[in-house]
């Protein structure tokens, strides 16, 4: 399996509901580093998985509505704990739509899967990976 991985970051604020979160129940800020790996079983006629520039622009577009936002105030996240794990799926769903539409510079049917990893610190990260089809 071949992969191309692109990276971007966002700064957000949020809080969590539930005693399991301890002090993170209070509003706090975070800087997340997001890595998106696009996987394919073969390379295209140019020898690439996807166009790296287009993949990076797609990731930035997915993340732009979240950057410098209080996630607690966004209607799309109402009633959700915006955990790192939750956000990996959110980013995956939007990036997968772009990949399926061919927005990454290759027919989406030629792509196998996407893995989204969000690092919330140098010692903790979460990821979500799923096939595109």
N, C-alpha and C. Protein backbone atom coordinates (compact mmCIF):
# COMPACT_ATOMS: atom_id res chain seq x y z
N UNK A 1 0.86 -1.18 0.00
CA UNK A 1 0.00 0.00 0.00
C UNK A 1 0.90 1.24 0.00
N UNK A 2 0.60 2.17 -0.88
CA UNK A 2 1.31 3.44 -0.95
C UNK A 2 0.52 4.48 -0.15
N UNK A 3 1.22 5.49 0.33
CA UNK A 3 0.54 6.56 1.06
C UNK A 3 1.24 7.89 0.83
N UNK A 4 0.43 8.93 0.80
CA UNK A 4 0.90 10.31 0.84
C UNK A 4 0.29 10.91 2.09
N UNK A 5 1.11 11.61 2.86
CA UNK A 5 0.61 12.20 4.10
C UNK A 5 0.88 13.69 4.09
N UNK A 6 -0.15 14.45 4.45
CA UNK A 6 -0.02 15.90 4.57
C UNK A 6 -0.38 16.31 5.99
N UNK A 7 0.09 17.50 6.38
CA UNK A 7 -0.07 17.94 7.77
C UNK A 7 -0.50 19.40 7.82
N UNK A 8 -1.33 19.71 8.80
CA UNK A 8 -1.70 21.09 9.10
C UNK A 8 -2.00 21.17 10.60
N UNK A 9 -2.31 22.34 11.09
CA UNK A 9 -2.63 22.46 12.51
C UNK A 9 -3.77 23.47 12.69
N UNK A 10 -4.43 23.37 13.83
CA UNK A 10 -5.48 24.31 14.21
C UNK A 10 -5.35 24.61 15.70
N UNK A 11 -5.87 25.76 16.06
CA UNK A 11 -5.96 26.14 17.47
C UNK A 11 -7.44 26.30 17.80
N UNK A 12 -7.88 25.62 18.86
CA UNK A 12 -9.30 25.62 19.21
C UNK A 12 -9.46 25.81 20.71
N UNK A 13 -10.69 26.02 21.12
CA UNK A 13 -11.08 25.97 22.53
C UNK A 13 -12.27 25.02 22.61
N UNK A 14 -12.39 24.33 23.72
CA UNK A 14 -13.56 23.47 23.96
C UNK A 14 -13.56 23.02 25.40
N UNK A 15 -14.65 22.38 25.80
CA UNK A 15 -14.77 21.79 27.13
C UNK A 15 -15.47 20.45 26.97
N UNK A 16 -15.43 19.66 28.02
CA UNK A 16 -16.04 18.32 27.97
C UNK A 16 -17.05 18.15 29.09
N UNK A 17 -18.05 17.32 28.84
CA UNK A 17 -19.02 16.93 29.85
C UNK A 17 -18.67 15.53 30.34
N UNK A 18 -18.64 15.34 31.64
CA UNK A 18 -18.39 14.03 32.21
C UNK A 18 -17.23 14.04 33.17
N UNK A 19 -17.43 13.41 34.32
CA UNK A 19 -16.41 13.39 35.36
C UNK A 19 -15.11 12.74 34.90
N UNK A 20 -15.18 11.84 33.92
CA UNK A 20 -13.98 11.17 33.42
C UNK A 20 -12.95 12.17 32.90
N UNK A 21 -13.40 13.36 32.51
CA UNK A 21 -12.50 14.35 31.92
C UNK A 21 -11.80 15.23 32.96
N UNK A 22 -12.16 15.11 34.23
CA UNK A 22 -11.49 15.88 35.28
C UNK A 22 -11.44 17.35 34.94
N UNK A 23 -10.24 17.97 35.03
CA UNK A 23 -10.15 19.41 34.80
C UNK A 23 -10.46 19.83 33.37
N UNK A 24 -10.45 18.91 32.43
CA UNK A 24 -10.77 19.26 31.04
C UNK A 24 -12.26 19.54 30.84
N UNK A 25 -13.05 19.39 31.92
CA UNK A 25 -14.46 19.77 31.84
C UNK A 25 -14.59 21.29 31.69
N UNK A 26 -13.59 22.01 32.17
CA UNK A 26 -13.60 23.46 32.04
C UNK A 26 -13.12 23.85 30.64
N UNK A 27 -13.52 25.02 30.20
CA UNK A 27 -13.08 25.52 28.90
C UNK A 27 -11.56 25.61 28.87
N UNK A 28 -10.97 25.06 27.82
CA UNK A 28 -9.52 25.08 27.68
C UNK A 28 -9.16 25.14 26.20
N UNK A 29 -7.95 25.54 25.94
CA UNK A 29 -7.48 25.65 24.58
C UNK A 29 -6.61 24.47 24.20
N UNK A 30 -6.47 24.24 22.89
CA UNK A 30 -5.62 23.18 22.40
C UNK A 30 -5.10 23.56 21.02
N UNK A 31 -3.89 23.15 20.75
CA UNK A 31 -3.33 23.23 19.40
C UNK A 31 -3.18 21.80 18.91
N UNK A 32 -3.90 21.48 17.86
CA UNK A 32 -3.88 20.13 17.31
C UNK A 32 -3.05 20.12 16.03
N UNK A 33 -2.23 19.10 15.88
CA UNK A 33 -1.53 18.84 14.64
C UNK A 33 -2.26 17.68 13.97
N UNK A 34 -2.69 17.91 12.73
CA UNK A 34 -3.51 16.92 12.02
C UNK A 34 -2.72 16.38 10.83
N UNK A 35 -2.58 15.07 10.79
CA UNK A 35 -1.95 14.38 9.67
C UNK A 35 -3.01 13.58 8.93
N UNK A 36 -3.02 13.70 7.62
CA UNK A 36 -3.96 12.93 6.80
C UNK A 36 -3.15 12.12 5.80
N UNK A 37 -3.29 10.80 5.90
CA UNK A 37 -2.62 9.89 4.97
C UNK A 37 -3.65 9.35 4.00
N UNK A 38 -3.36 9.49 2.71
CA UNK A 38 -4.23 8.97 1.67
C UNK A 38 -3.54 7.73 1.11
N UNK A 39 -4.24 6.60 1.09
CA UNK A 39 -3.65 5.33 0.71
C UNK A 39 -4.21 4.81 -0.61
N UNK A 40 -3.33 4.20 -1.40
CA UNK A 40 -3.72 3.58 -2.67
C UNK A 40 -2.86 2.35 -2.89
N UNK A 41 -3.44 1.36 -3.52
CA UNK A 41 -2.69 0.12 -3.81
C UNK A 41 -1.73 0.29 -4.97
N UNK A 42 -1.98 1.27 -5.82
CA UNK A 42 -1.12 1.50 -6.98
C UNK A 42 -0.82 2.99 -7.11
N UNK A 43 0.21 3.29 -7.86
CA UNK A 43 0.51 4.67 -8.23
C UNK A 43 -0.16 4.96 -9.56
N UNK A 44 -0.44 6.23 -9.82
CA UNK A 44 -1.04 6.56 -11.12
C UNK A 44 0.04 6.64 -12.20
N UNK A 45 -0.35 7.05 -13.39
CA UNK A 45 0.59 7.11 -14.51
C UNK A 45 1.73 8.11 -14.29
N UNK A 46 1.56 9.01 -13.32
CA UNK A 46 2.61 9.97 -12.98
C UNK A 46 3.50 9.49 -11.84
N UNK A 47 3.17 8.31 -11.29
CA UNK A 47 3.96 7.77 -10.20
C UNK A 47 3.60 8.33 -8.84
N UNK A 48 2.35 8.80 -8.68
CA UNK A 48 1.93 9.39 -7.41
C UNK A 48 0.65 8.72 -6.89
N UNK A 49 0.41 8.89 -5.59
CA UNK A 49 -0.85 8.47 -4.97
C UNK A 49 -1.91 9.52 -5.30
N UNK A 50 -1.62 10.76 -4.90
CA UNK A 50 -2.44 11.93 -5.22
C UNK A 50 -1.49 13.11 -5.34
N UNK A 51 -2.00 14.23 -5.79
CA UNK A 51 -1.20 15.45 -5.84
C UNK A 51 -1.05 15.98 -4.41
N UNK A 52 0.17 16.08 -3.94
CA UNK A 52 0.41 16.51 -2.55
C UNK A 52 -0.14 17.91 -2.31
N UNK A 53 0.05 18.81 -3.26
CA UNK A 53 -0.46 20.17 -3.10
C UNK A 53 -1.97 20.21 -2.95
N UNK A 54 -2.67 19.44 -3.79
CA UNK A 54 -4.14 19.40 -3.68
C UNK A 54 -4.58 18.76 -2.38
N UNK A 55 -3.88 17.72 -1.95
CA UNK A 55 -4.23 17.06 -0.68
C UNK A 55 -4.04 18.03 0.48
N UNK A 56 -2.96 18.80 0.46
CA UNK A 56 -2.71 19.76 1.54
C UNK A 56 -3.77 20.86 1.53
N UNK A 57 -4.12 21.36 0.35
CA UNK A 57 -5.15 22.39 0.27
C UNK A 57 -6.51 21.84 0.74
N UNK A 58 -6.81 20.60 0.41
CA UNK A 58 -8.07 20.00 0.86
C UNK A 58 -8.10 19.88 2.38
N UNK A 59 -6.99 19.45 2.97
CA UNK A 59 -6.93 19.34 4.43
C UNK A 59 -7.11 20.72 5.07
N UNK A 60 -6.42 21.72 4.56
CA UNK A 60 -6.56 23.07 5.11
C UNK A 60 -8.00 23.56 5.00
N UNK A 61 -8.67 23.26 3.89
CA UNK A 61 -10.06 23.69 3.70
C UNK A 61 -10.99 23.01 4.71
N UNK A 62 -10.73 21.75 4.99
CA UNK A 62 -11.54 21.01 5.97
C UNK A 62 -11.35 21.61 7.37
N UNK A 63 -10.13 22.02 7.68
CA UNK A 63 -9.81 22.50 9.02
C UNK A 63 -10.15 23.98 9.24
N UNK A 64 -10.21 24.77 8.18
CA UNK A 64 -10.41 26.22 8.30
C UNK A 64 -11.63 26.60 9.15
N UNK A 65 -12.78 25.94 9.02
CA UNK A 65 -13.93 26.34 9.85
C UNK A 65 -13.75 26.07 11.34
N UNK A 66 -12.75 25.28 11.71
CA UNK A 66 -12.52 24.96 13.12
C UNK A 66 -11.45 25.83 13.76
N UNK A 67 -10.57 26.38 12.96
CA UNK A 67 -9.41 27.11 13.47
C UNK A 67 -9.83 28.37 14.22
N UNK A 68 -9.28 28.56 15.40
CA UNK A 68 -9.55 29.69 16.28
C UNK A 68 -11.01 29.76 16.70
N UNK A 69 -11.66 28.61 16.79
CA UNK A 69 -13.07 28.57 17.19
C UNK A 69 -13.22 27.89 18.55
N UNK A 70 -14.26 28.28 19.27
CA UNK A 70 -14.69 27.54 20.45
C UNK A 70 -15.64 26.46 19.91
N UNK A 71 -15.20 25.23 19.91
CA UNK A 71 -16.00 24.15 19.33
C UNK A 71 -17.33 23.97 20.06
N UNK A 72 -17.38 24.36 21.32
CA UNK A 72 -18.63 24.27 22.08
C UNK A 72 -19.73 25.15 21.47
N UNK A 73 -19.33 26.20 20.76
CA UNK A 73 -20.29 27.16 20.21
C UNK A 73 -20.71 26.84 18.79
N UNK A 74 -20.11 25.84 18.17
CA UNK A 74 -20.46 25.51 16.79
C UNK A 74 -21.70 24.62 16.75
N UNK A 75 -22.73 25.02 16.02
CA UNK A 75 -23.98 24.24 15.98
C UNK A 75 -23.78 22.79 15.55
N UNK A 76 -22.85 22.52 14.64
CA UNK A 76 -22.65 21.15 14.16
C UNK A 76 -22.13 20.22 15.25
N UNK A 77 -21.61 20.78 16.34
CA UNK A 77 -21.09 19.95 17.43
C UNK A 77 -21.97 20.01 18.68
N UNK A 78 -23.14 20.56 18.57
CA UNK A 78 -24.05 20.69 19.72
C UNK A 78 -24.29 19.32 20.35
N UNK A 79 -24.09 19.25 21.67
CA UNK A 79 -24.34 18.02 22.40
C UNK A 79 -23.22 16.99 22.30
N UNK A 80 -22.13 17.31 21.62
CA UNK A 80 -21.02 16.36 21.45
C UNK A 80 -19.83 16.75 22.32
N UNK A 81 -19.15 15.77 22.84
CA UNK A 81 -17.83 15.99 23.40
C UNK A 81 -16.85 15.95 22.23
N UNK A 82 -16.23 17.06 21.94
CA UNK A 82 -15.34 17.14 20.78
C UNK A 82 -13.95 16.62 21.15
N UNK A 83 -13.93 15.35 21.52
CA UNK A 83 -12.67 14.69 21.87
C UNK A 83 -11.78 14.58 20.64
N UNK A 84 -10.54 14.28 20.85
CA UNK A 84 -9.62 14.07 19.75
C UNK A 84 -10.14 12.95 18.85
N UNK A 85 -10.62 11.88 19.45
CA UNK A 85 -11.15 10.76 18.68
C UNK A 85 -12.34 11.19 17.82
N UNK A 86 -13.25 11.93 18.40
CA UNK A 86 -14.41 12.44 17.67
C UNK A 86 -13.98 13.29 16.49
N UNK A 87 -13.01 14.16 16.71
CA UNK A 87 -12.57 15.07 15.66
C UNK A 87 -11.86 14.33 14.51
N UNK A 88 -11.20 13.21 14.80
CA UNK A 88 -10.57 12.46 13.72
C UNK A 88 -11.62 12.00 12.71
N UNK A 89 -12.75 11.55 13.18
CA UNK A 89 -13.82 11.10 12.27
C UNK A 89 -14.43 12.28 11.52
N UNK A 90 -14.59 13.40 12.21
CA UNK A 90 -15.13 14.61 11.58
C UNK A 90 -14.24 15.01 10.39
N UNK A 91 -12.94 15.07 10.61
CA UNK A 91 -12.01 15.45 9.55
C UNK A 91 -12.01 14.38 8.45
N UNK A 92 -11.99 13.11 8.84
CA UNK A 92 -12.02 12.02 7.85
C UNK A 92 -13.22 12.16 6.91
N UNK A 93 -14.41 12.35 7.46
CA UNK A 93 -15.62 12.40 6.65
C UNK A 93 -15.53 13.49 5.58
N UNK A 94 -15.02 14.64 5.94
CA UNK A 94 -14.94 15.74 4.99
C UNK A 94 -13.81 15.55 3.97
N UNK A 95 -12.70 15.03 4.42
CA UNK A 95 -11.60 14.76 3.50
C UNK A 95 -11.94 13.61 2.56
N UNK A 96 -12.64 12.61 3.07
CA UNK A 96 -13.06 11.49 2.23
C UNK A 96 -14.00 11.96 1.12
N UNK A 97 -14.88 12.90 1.43
CA UNK A 97 -15.78 13.43 0.40
C UNK A 97 -14.98 14.09 -0.72
N UNK A 98 -13.95 14.84 -0.37
CA UNK A 98 -13.09 15.48 -1.38
C UNK A 98 -12.35 14.43 -2.20
N UNK A 99 -11.85 13.40 -1.53
CA UNK A 99 -11.12 12.35 -2.24
C UNK A 99 -12.03 11.59 -3.20
N UNK A 100 -13.21 11.24 -2.74
CA UNK A 100 -14.16 10.51 -3.59
C UNK A 100 -14.56 11.33 -4.82
N UNK A 101 -14.61 12.65 -4.65
CA UNK A 101 -15.00 13.54 -5.75
C UNK A 101 -13.86 13.78 -6.74
N UNK A 102 -12.68 13.26 -6.45
CA UNK A 102 -11.54 13.46 -7.34
C UNK A 102 -10.81 14.77 -7.13
N UNK A 103 -11.08 15.45 -6.02
CA UNK A 103 -10.49 16.76 -5.76
C UNK A 103 -9.01 16.71 -5.38
N UNK A 104 -8.46 15.51 -5.22
CA UNK A 104 -7.05 15.40 -4.83
C UNK A 104 -6.15 15.14 -6.04
N UNK A 105 -6.71 15.26 -7.24
CA UNK A 105 -5.92 15.12 -8.44
C UNK A 105 -5.85 13.71 -8.99
N UNK A 106 -6.73 12.86 -8.53
CA UNK A 106 -6.78 11.49 -9.02
C UNK A 106 -8.21 10.98 -8.87
N UNK A 107 -8.61 10.10 -9.76
CA UNK A 107 -9.94 9.49 -9.66
C UNK A 107 -10.08 8.87 -8.27
N UNK A 108 -11.10 9.28 -7.56
CA UNK A 108 -11.31 8.80 -6.20
C UNK A 108 -11.43 7.29 -6.11
N UNK A 109 -11.90 6.63 -7.16
CA UNK A 109 -12.04 5.17 -7.14
C UNK A 109 -10.69 4.47 -7.07
N UNK A 110 -9.62 5.16 -7.40
CA UNK A 110 -8.28 4.57 -7.35
C UNK A 110 -7.69 4.61 -5.95
N UNK A 111 -8.36 5.30 -5.03
CA UNK A 111 -7.86 5.45 -3.67
C UNK A 111 -8.51 4.42 -2.76
N UNK A 112 -7.73 3.90 -1.82
CA UNK A 112 -8.22 2.81 -0.97
C UNK A 112 -8.78 3.29 0.37
N UNK A 113 -8.05 4.17 1.04
CA UNK A 113 -8.42 4.53 2.41
C UNK A 113 -7.78 5.86 2.77
N UNK A 114 -8.24 6.40 3.89
CA UNK A 114 -7.63 7.60 4.48
C UNK A 114 -7.49 7.35 5.97
N UNK A 115 -6.35 7.78 6.50
CA UNK A 115 -6.14 7.76 7.94
C UNK A 115 -5.91 9.19 8.40
N UNK A 116 -6.69 9.62 9.39
CA UNK A 116 -6.53 10.95 9.97
C UNK A 116 -6.02 10.77 11.40
N UNK A 117 -4.88 11.40 11.67
CA UNK A 117 -4.28 11.36 13.00
C UNK A 117 -4.26 12.77 13.56
N UNK A 118 -4.73 12.92 14.79
CA UNK A 118 -4.66 14.22 15.46
C UNK A 118 -3.79 14.06 16.70
N UNK A 119 -2.73 14.85 16.73
CA UNK A 119 -1.84 14.87 17.90
C UNK A 119 -2.25 16.04 18.77
N UNK A 120 -2.59 15.73 20.02
CA UNK A 120 -2.99 16.80 20.92
C UNK A 120 -1.83 17.25 21.81
N UNK A 121 -0.75 16.49 21.79
CA UNK A 121 0.48 16.88 22.46
C UNK A 121 1.59 15.99 21.91
N UNK A 122 2.78 16.16 22.43
CA UNK A 122 3.90 15.32 21.97
C UNK A 122 3.81 13.90 22.52
N UNK A 123 2.87 13.64 23.42
CA UNK A 123 2.76 12.30 24.01
C UNK A 123 1.41 11.62 23.77
N UNK A 124 0.48 12.31 23.09
CA UNK A 124 -0.86 11.72 22.92
C UNK A 124 -1.43 12.07 21.56
N UNK A 125 -2.01 11.07 20.91
CA UNK A 125 -2.67 11.27 19.62
C UNK A 125 -3.75 10.22 19.44
N UNK A 126 -4.63 10.49 18.52
CA UNK A 126 -5.69 9.54 18.17
C UNK A 126 -5.79 9.52 16.65
N UNK A 127 -6.30 8.39 16.13
CA UNK A 127 -6.49 8.34 14.68
C UNK A 127 -7.73 7.56 14.33
N UNK A 128 -8.21 7.87 13.11
CA UNK A 128 -9.35 7.15 12.52
C UNK A 128 -8.95 6.80 11.10
N UNK A 129 -9.16 5.55 10.73
CA UNK A 129 -8.86 5.09 9.38
C UNK A 129 -10.02 4.24 8.88
N UNK A 130 -10.37 4.45 7.61
CA UNK A 130 -11.43 3.65 7.01
C UNK A 130 -11.24 3.62 5.50
N UNK A 131 -11.76 2.56 4.88
CA UNK A 131 -11.74 2.52 3.41
C UNK A 131 -12.64 3.61 2.84
N UNK A 132 -12.32 4.02 1.64
CA UNK A 132 -13.15 5.04 0.98
C UNK A 132 -14.37 4.44 0.30
N UNK A 133 -14.34 3.15 0.02
CA UNK A 133 -15.43 2.52 -0.73
C UNK A 133 -15.92 1.29 -0.02
